[in-house]
Amino acid sequence: MDQVFNFLFGTRLGVGVLFFAGIVIFGIAAFILEKRTHKMYVDRGPKGDDEDSFWN
């Protein structure tokens, strides 16, 4: 186990592995959370002419 920690935190290649593993884990978590959010907030379609918009 000590060799694994020395590799991950003591070598440039190990730090690169940690960096890219963090990016992959963050991407997977963002993908899962986006799917859950998309289900929670359903697109209601385009607004009608009688509805006011904040930006217009």
PDB file of N, CA and C in Angstrom:
ATOM      1  N   MET A   1       0.824  -1.189   0.000  1.00  0.00           N
ATOM      2  CA  MET A   1       0.000   0.000   0.000  1.00  0.00           C
ATOM      3  C   MET A   1       0.870   1.256   0.000  1.00  0.00           C
ATOM      4  N   ASP A   2       1.999   1.163   0.679  1.00  0.00           N
ATOM      5  CA  ASP A   2       2.919   2.292   0.739  1.00  0.00           C
ATOM      6  C   ASP A   2       3.467   2.617  -0.642  1.00  0.00           C
ATOM      7  N   GLN A   3       3.668   1.597  -1.460  1.00  0.00           N
ATOM      8  CA  GLN A   3       4.163   1.825  -2.816  1.00  0.00           C
ATOM      9  C   GLN A   3       3.142   2.554  -3.677  1.00  0.00           C
ATOM     10  N   VAL A   4       1.876   2.265  -3.458  1.00  0.00           N
ATOM     11  CA  VAL A   4       0.813   2.934  -4.222  1.00  0.00           C
ATOM     12  C   VAL A   4       0.794   4.415  -3.881  1.00  0.00           C
ATOM     13  N   PHE A   5       0.862   4.763  -2.595  1.00  0.00           N
ATOM     14  CA  PHE A   5       0.865   6.168  -2.192  1.00  0.00           C
ATOM     15  C   PHE A   5       2.114   6.875  -2.680  1.00  0.00           C
ATOM     16  N   ASN A   6       3.246   6.208  -2.623  1.00  0.00           N
ATOM     17  CA  ASN A   6       4.476   6.816  -3.131  1.00  0.00           C
ATOM     18  C   ASN A   6       4.372   7.065  -4.632  1.00  0.00           C
ATOM     19  N   PHE A   7       3.769   6.158  -5.372  1.00  0.00           N
ATOM     20  CA  PHE A   7       3.594   6.366  -6.804  1.00  0.00           C
ATOM     21  C   PHE A   7       2.651   7.528  -7.070  1.00  0.00           C
ATOM     22  N   LEU A   8       1.478   7.535  -6.400  1.00  0.00           N
ATOM     23  CA  LEU A   8       0.467   8.551  -6.688  1.00  0.00           C
ATOM     24  C   LEU A   8       0.905   9.955  -6.283  1.00  0.00           C
ATOM     25  N   PHE A   9       1.557  10.093  -5.150  1.00  0.00           N
ATOM     26  CA  PHE A   9       1.884  11.416  -4.637  1.00  0.00           C
ATOM     27  C   PHE A   9       3.354  11.777  -4.782  1.00  0.00           C
ATOM     28  N   GLY A  10       4.189  10.825  -5.184  1.00  0.00           N
ATOM     29  CA  GLY A  10       5.618  11.088  -5.247  1.00  0.00           C
ATOM     30  C   GLY A  10       6.195  11.175  -6.641  1.00  0.00           C
ATOM     31  N   THR A  11       5.425  10.826  -7.666  1.00  0.00           N
ATOM     32  CA  THR A  11       5.932  10.887  -9.029  1.00  0.00           C
ATOM     33  C   THR A  11       5.038  11.774  -9.882  1.00  0.00           C
ATOM     34  N   ARG A  12       5.617  12.301 -10.953  1.00  0.00           N
ATOM     35  CA  ARG A  12       4.836  13.148 -11.858  1.00  0.00           C
ATOM     36  C   ARG A  12       3.740  12.339 -12.546  1.00  0.00           C
ATOM     37  N   LEU A  13       4.048  11.121 -12.912  1.00  0.00           N
ATOM     38  CA  LEU A  13       3.050  10.265 -13.545  1.00  0.00           C
ATOM     39  C   LEU A  13       1.897   9.968 -12.587  1.00  0.00           C
ATOM     40  N   GLY A  14       2.191   9.740 -11.330  1.00  0.00           N
ATOM     41  CA  GLY A  14       1.153   9.476 -10.336  1.00  0.00           C
ATOM     42  C   GLY A  14       0.245  10.673 -10.127  1.00  0.00           C
ATOM     43  N   VAL A  15       0.829  11.866 -10.092  1.00  0.00           N
ATOM     44  CA  VAL A  15       0.016  13.079  -9.950  1.00  0.00           C
ATOM     45  C   VAL A  15      -0.852  13.272 -11.190  1.00  0.00           C
ATOM     46  N   GLY A  16      -0.314  12.931 -12.359  1.00  0.00           N
ATOM     47  CA  GLY A  16      -1.119  13.003 -13.584  1.00  0.00           C
ATOM     48  C   GLY A  16      -2.278  12.031 -13.555  1.00  0.00           C
ATOM     49  N   VAL A  17      -2.031  10.829 -13.034  1.00  0.00           N
ATOM     50  CA  VAL A  17      -3.110   9.846 -12.899  1.00  0.00           C
ATOM     51  C   VAL A  17      -4.190  10.369 -11.961  1.00  0.00           C
ATOM     52  N   LEU A  18      -3.791  10.950 -10.846  1.00  0.00           N
ATOM     53  CA  LEU A  18      -4.776  11.527  -9.918  1.00  0.00           C
ATOM     54  C   LEU A  18      -5.569  12.651 -10.567  1.00  0.00           C
ATOM     55  N   PHE A  19      -4.885  13.493 -11.332  1.00  0.00           N
ATOM     56  CA  PHE A  19      -5.534  14.625 -11.984  1.00  0.00           C
ATOM     57  C   PHE A  19      -6.590  14.143 -12.986  1.00  0.00           C
ATOM     58  N   PHE A  20      -6.208  13.239 -13.876  1.00  0.00           N
ATOM     59  CA  PHE A  20      -7.156  12.772 -14.883  1.00  0.00           C
ATOM     60  C   PHE A  20      -8.258  11.905 -14.289  1.00  0.00           C
ATOM     61  N   ALA A  21      -7.946  11.164 -13.241  1.00  0.00           N
ATOM     62  CA  ALA A  21      -8.992  10.393 -12.561  1.00  0.00           C
ATOM     63  C   ALA A  21     -10.003  11.346 -11.917  1.00  0.00           C
ATOM     64  N   GLY A  22      -9.536  12.454 -11.373  1.00  0.00           N
ATOM     65  CA  GLY A  22     -10.439  13.452 -10.799  1.00  0.00           C
ATOM     66  C   GLY A  22     -11.338  14.068 -11.848  1.00  0.00           C
ATOM     67  N   ILE A  23     -10.782  14.341 -13.027  1.00  0.00           N
ATOM     68  CA  ILE A  23     -11.599  14.897 -14.112  1.00  0.00           C
ATOM     69  C   ILE A  23     -12.670  13.899 -14.546  1.00  0.00           C
ATOM     70  N   VAL A  24     -12.305  12.644 -14.668  1.00  0.00           N
ATOM     71  CA  VAL A  24     -13.268  11.612 -15.085  1.00  0.00           C
ATOM     72  C   VAL A  24     -14.359  11.447 -14.038  1.00  0.00           C
ATOM     73  N   ILE A  25     -13.992  11.398 -12.768  1.00  0.00           N
ATOM     74  CA  ILE A  25     -14.982  11.240 -11.694  1.00  0.00           C
ATOM     75  C   ILE A  25     -15.912  12.446 -11.644  1.00  0.00           C
ATOM     76  N   PHE A  26     -15.350  13.653 -11.793  1.00  0.00           N
ATOM     77  CA  PHE A  26     -16.166  14.857 -11.795  1.00  0.00           C
ATOM     78  C   PHE A  26     -17.118  14.859 -12.984  1.00  0.00           C
ATOM     79  N   GLY A  27     -16.646  14.428 -14.148  1.00  0.00           N
ATOM     80  CA  GLY A  27     -17.505  14.371 -15.336  1.00  0.00           C
ATOM     81  C   GLY A  27     -18.647  13.390 -15.174  1.00  0.00           C
ATOM     82  N   ILE A  28     -18.368  12.232 -14.602  1.00  0.00           N
ATOM     83  CA  ILE A  28     -19.427  11.245 -14.370  1.00  0.00           C
ATOM     84  C   ILE A  28     -20.455  11.779 -13.379  1.00  0.00           C
ATOM     85  N   ALA A  29     -19.988  12.406 -12.307  1.00  0.00           N
ATOM     86  CA  ALA A  29     -20.915  12.972 -11.313  1.00  0.00           C
ATOM     87  C   ALA A  29     -21.765  14.078 -11.933  1.00  0.00           C
ATOM     88  N   ALA A  30     -21.162  14.940 -12.759  1.00  0.00           N
ATOM     89  CA  ALA A  30     -21.915  16.018 -13.402  1.00  0.00           C
ATOM     90  C   ALA A  30     -22.959  15.451 -14.357  1.00  0.00           C
ATOM     91  N   PHE A  31     -22.604  14.392 -15.084  1.00  0.00           N
ATOM     92  CA  PHE A  31     -23.540  13.768 -16.008  1.00  0.00           C
ATOM     93  C   PHE A  31     -24.735  13.194 -15.263  1.00  0.00           C
ATOM     94  N   ILE A  32     -24.483  12.508 -14.160  1.00  0.00           N
ATOM     95  CA  ILE A  32     -25.564  11.911 -13.373  1.00  0.00           C
ATOM     96  C   ILE A  32     -26.453  12.987 -12.771  1.00  0.00           C
ATOM     97  N   LEU A  33     -25.847  14.036 -12.219  1.00  0.00           N
ATOM     98  CA  LEU A  33     -26.645  15.108 -11.615  1.00  0.00           C
ATOM     99  C   LEU A  33     -27.439  15.868 -12.671  1.00  0.00           C
ATOM    100  N   GLU A  34     -26.871  16.036 -13.877  1.00  0.00           N
ATOM    101  CA  GLU A  34     -27.607  16.717 -14.937  1.00  0.00           C
ATOM    102  C   GLU A  34     -28.819  15.904 -15.362  1.00  0.00           C
ATOM    103  N   LYS A  35     -28.698  14.597 -15.414  1.00  0.00           N
ATOM    104  CA  LYS A  35     -29.840  13.749 -15.769  1.00  0.00           C
ATOM    105  C   LYS A  35     -30.948  13.886 -14.730  1.00  0.00           C
ATOM    106  N   ARG A  36     -30.568  13.893 -13.454  1.00  0.00           N
ATOM    107  CA  ARG A  36     -31.569  14.025 -12.397  1.00  0.00           C
ATOM    108  C   ARG A  36     -32.238  15.401 -12.456  1.00  0.00           C
ATOM    109  N   THR A  37     -31.463  16.452 -12.729  1.00  0.00           N
ATOM    110  CA  THR A  37     -32.017  17.790 -12.815  1.00  0.00           C
ATOM    111  C   THR A  37     -32.935  17.915 -14.019  1.00  0.00           C
ATOM    112  N   HIS A  38     -32.553  17.300 -15.130  1.00  0.00           N
ATOM    113  CA  HIS A  38     -33.378  17.365 -16.333  1.00  0.00           C
ATOM    114  C   HIS A  38     -34.737  16.707 -16.104  1.00  0.00           C
ATOM    115  N   LYS A  39     -34.771  15.638 -15.332  1.00  0.00           N
ATOM    116  CA  LYS A  39     -36.040  14.981 -15.018  1.00  0.00           C
ATOM    117  C   LYS A  39     -36.886  15.843 -14.076  1.00  0.00           C
ATOM    118  N   MET A  40     -36.216  16.564 -13.178  1.00  0.00           N
ATOM    119  CA  MET A  40     -36.935  17.366 -12.194  1.00  0.00           C
ATOM    120  C   MET A  40     -37.541  18.625 -12.818  1.00  0.00           C
ATOM    121  N   TYR A  41     -36.790  19.285 -13.714  1.00  0.00           N
ATOM    122  CA  TYR A  41     -37.237  20.527 -14.338  1.00  0.00           C
ATOM    123  C   TYR A  41     -37.480  20.253 -15.824  1.00  0.00           C
ATOM    124  N   VAL A  42     -38.695  19.888 -16.152  1.00  0.00           N
ATOM    125  CA  VAL A  42     -39.059  19.513 -17.512  1.00  0.00           C
ATOM    126  C   VAL A  42     -39.251  20.773 -18.344  1.00  0.00           C
ATOM    127  N   ASP A  43     -38.791  20.734 -19.589  1.00  0.00           N
ATOM    128  CA  ASP A  43     -38.969  21.852 -20.502  1.00  0.00           C
ATOM    129  C   ASP A  43     -40.443  21.969 -20.864  1.00  0.00           C
ATOM    130  N   ARG A  44     -41.008  23.121 -20.650  1.00  0.00           N
ATOM    131  CA  ARG A  44     -42.436  23.321 -20.886  1.00  0.00           C
ATOM    132  C   ARG A  44     -42.742  23.786 -22.303  1.00  0.00           C
ATOM    133  N   GLY A  45     -41.733  23.936 -23.136  1.00  0.00           N
ATOM    134  CA  GLY A  45     -41.958  24.381 -24.503  1.00  0.00           C
ATOM    135  C   GLY A  45     -41.857  25.886 -24.611  1.00  0.00           C
ATOM    136  N   PRO A  46     -42.070  26.414 -25.800  1.00  0.00           N
ATOM    137  CA  PRO A  46     -41.970  27.866 -26.000  1.00  0.00           C
ATOM    138  C   PRO A  46     -43.104  28.611 -25.302  1.00  0.00           C
ATOM    139  N   LYS A  47     -42.782  29.833 -24.879  1.00  0.00           N
ATOM    140  CA  LYS A  47     -43.795  30.654 -24.209  1.00  0.00           C
ATOM    141  C   LYS A  47     -44.758  31.234 -25.235  1.00  0.00           C
ATOM    142  N   GLY A  48     -45.968  31.452 -24.796  1.00  0.00           N
ATOM    143  CA  GLY A  48     -46.970  32.069 -25.655  1.00  0.00           C
ATOM    144  C   GLY A  48     -46.722  33.562 -25.789  1.00  0.00           C
ATOM    145  N   ASP A  49     -47.465  34.202 -26.693  1.00  0.00           N
ATOM    146  CA  ASP A  49     -47.299  35.636 -26.928  1.00  0.00           C
ATOM    147  C   ASP A  49     -47.751  36.472 -25.740  1.00  0.00           C
ATOM    148  N   ASP A  50     -48.678  35.956 -24.946  1.00  0.00           N
ATOM    149  CA  ASP A  50     -49.205  36.721 -23.840  1.00  0.00           C
ATOM    150  C   ASP A  50     -48.351  36.615 -22.579  1.00  0.00           C
ATOM    151  N   GLU A  51     -47.326  35.785 -22.581  1.00  0.00           N
ATOM    152  CA  GLU A  51     -46.469  35.639 -21.413  1.00  0.00           C
ATOM    153  C   GLU A  51     -45.309  36.596 -21.475  1.00  0.00           C
ATOM    154  N   ASP A  52     -45.076  37.305 -20.397  1.00  0.00           N
ATOM    155  CA  ASP A  52     -43.963  38.238 -20.330  1.00  0.00           C
ATOM    156  C   ASP A  52     -42.692  37.503 -19.960  1.00  0.00           C
ATOM    157  N   SER A  53     -41.599  37.979 -20.475  1.00  0.00           N
ATOM    158  CA  SER A  53     -40.299  37.408 -20.158  1.00  0.00           C
ATOM    159  C   SER A  53     -39.485  38.443 -19.404  1.00  0.00           C
ATOM    160  N   PHE A  54     -38.627  37.984 -18.538  1.00  0.00           N
ATOM    161  CA  PHE A  54     -37.790  38.897 -17.753  1.00  0.00           C
ATOM    162  C   PHE A  54     -36.832  39.670 -18.651  1.00  0.00           C
ATOM    163  N   TRP A  55     -36.334  39.062 -19.692  1.00  0.00           N
ATOM    164  CA  TRP A  55     -35.300  39.678 -20.532  1.00  0.00           C
ATOM    165  C   TRP A  55     -35.881  40.539 -21.646  1.00  0.00           C
ATOM    166  N   ASN A  56     -37.158  40.465 -21.947  1.00  0.00           N
ATOM    167  CA  ASN A  56     -37.738  41.265 -23.032  1.00  0.00           C
ATOM    168  C   ASN A  56     -38.425  42.482 -22.524  1.00  0.00           C
TER     169      ASN A  56
END
